[in-house]
Protein backbone atom coordinates (compact mmCIF):
# COMPACT_ATOMS: atom_id res chain seq x y z
CA MET A 1 0.00 0.00 0.00
CA LEU A 2 1.37 3.39 -0.96
CA GLY A 3 1.47 6.12 1.65
CA PHE A 4 0.86 9.71 0.71
CA CYS A 5 2.05 12.84 2.43
CA LYS A 6 1.15 16.44 1.77
CA MET A 7 3.90 18.75 0.60
CA PHE A 8 3.43 22.41 1.47
CA LEU A 9 4.99 25.40 -0.23
CA SER A 10 4.91 27.80 2.72
CA SER A 11 6.30 27.67 6.23
CA VAL A 12 2.84 28.34 7.72
CA GLN A 13 2.12 24.61 7.74
CA PRO A 14 3.66 22.76 10.71
CA THR A 15 5.40 20.00 8.77
CA ILE A 16 8.84 18.87 7.71
CA THR A 17 7.71 18.55 4.08
CA ASN A 18 7.99 22.27 3.34
CA PHE A 19 10.34 23.17 0.52
CA ASP A 20 11.42 26.33 -1.19
CA PHE A 21 9.28 27.16 -4.21
CA VAL A 22 11.41 28.56 -7.01
CA ARG A 23 10.30 32.10 -7.75
CA ASP A 24 10.01 33.40 -11.31
CA HIS A 25 9.74 29.91 -12.72
CA GLY A 26 7.82 31.14 -15.74
CA VAL A 27 4.94 28.71 -15.27
CA SER A 28 1.56 30.20 -14.42
CA ILE A 29 0.80 27.99 -11.44
CA GLU A 30 1.19 30.53 -8.67
CA LYS A 31 -2.55 31.19 -8.31
CA THR A 32 -3.26 27.47 -8.03
CA ALA A 33 -0.38 26.96 -5.61
CA VAL A 34 -1.62 29.70 -3.27
CA GLU A 35 -5.22 28.44 -3.43
CA ALA A 36 -4.09 24.91 -2.61
CA GLU A 37 -1.89 26.04 0.25
CA LEU A 38 -4.69 28.15 1.76
CA SER A 39 -7.12 25.23 1.52
CA TYR A 40 -4.91 23.19 3.86
CA LEU A 41 -4.46 25.83 6.57
CA ALA A 42 -5.84 24.63 9.89
CA ASP A 43 -8.70 26.70 11.32
CA PHE A 44 -8.83 28.91 8.23
CA ASP A 45 -12.02 29.61 6.29
CA ALA A 46 -11.23 30.59 2.71
CA ARG A 47 -14.81 30.44 1.40
CA ASP A 48 -15.01 34.22 1.01
CA LEU A 49 -11.46 34.68 -0.26
CA THR A 50 -10.43 34.79 -3.89
CA VAL A 51 -6.97 34.56 -5.40
CA ASP A 52 -6.38 36.22 -8.77
CA MET A 53 -3.45 37.23 -10.91
CA THR A 54 -3.39 40.82 -12.21
CA GLY A 55 -0.38 41.17 -14.43
CA HIS A 56 2.57 39.99 -12.36
CA TYR A 57 0.74 40.54 -9.06
CA LEU A 58 -1.18 38.02 -7.02
CA VAL A 59 -4.28 39.63 -5.50
CA LEU A 60 -5.98 38.32 -2.36
CA GLU A 61 -9.51 39.66 -2.11
CA GLY A 62 -12.50 38.99 0.11
CA THR A 63 -13.25 38.62 3.79
CA VAL A 64 -11.61 36.75 6.65
CA THR A 65 -12.73 36.45 10.26
CA SER A 66 -9.61 37.81 11.96
CA ALA A 67 -6.52 39.92 11.40
CA ALA A 68 -4.46 36.82 12.13
CA ASP A 69 -6.15 34.99 9.23
CA ALA A 70 -5.44 37.92 6.92
CA GLU A 71 -1.78 37.84 7.98
CA ARG A 72 -1.58 34.07 7.44
CA ALA A 73 -3.06 34.35 3.93
CA VAL A 74 -0.65 37.13 2.98
CA LYS A 75 2.31 35.21 4.42
CA VAL A 76 1.44 32.12 2.37
CA ALA A 77 1.11 34.18 -0.81
CA ARG A 78 4.36 36.07 -0.20
CA GLU A 79 6.31 32.88 0.43
CA ILE A 80 5.06 31.39 -2.84
CA VAL A 81 5.21 34.34 -5.27
CA GLY A 82 7.50 36.78 -3.48
CA SER A 83 6.75 39.59 -1.06
CA ASP A 84 6.89 42.30 -3.70
CA ARG A 85 4.21 40.64 -5.86
CA VAL A 86 1.29 40.31 -3.40
CA MET A 87 -1.58 42.78 -3.11
CA SER A 88 -4.03 42.24 -0.26
CA ARG A 89 -7.58 43.50 -0.44
CA LEU A 90 -8.69 41.41 2.51
CA VAL A 91 -11.26 42.79 4.93
CA VAL A 92 -11.68 41.46 8.47
CA VAL A 93 -15.34 40.78 9.26
CA GLN A 94 -16.23 39.37 12.66
CA PRO A 95 -18.77 36.54 12.51
CA ALA A 96 -22.24 37.55 13.68
CA THR A 97 -23.09 36.34 17.15
CA ALA A 98 -26.39 34.63 17.72
CA LEU A 99 -28.98 36.65 19.57
CA ILE A 100 -30.77 34.78 22.31
């Protein structure tokens, strides 16, 4: 039986399988790589977050539930595409509390 392990591109994931992603590789996979990495973050809801490429810039847009989540998303993107190529348009929106 083959075993599978997840390989992560950013240091946000607590694993020994992180590796350096070669920047400026010329292949347009950065958007997909960031989306995949964000989908594996523990306790992170990316349902209202979009990742797009605008020219050479990766744009994070949408809402997150905390400033810490916004920072985590930006950190992942910067580690994959480079810190000078990430634009964040993330807005922190606290979840509504139930009224009793």
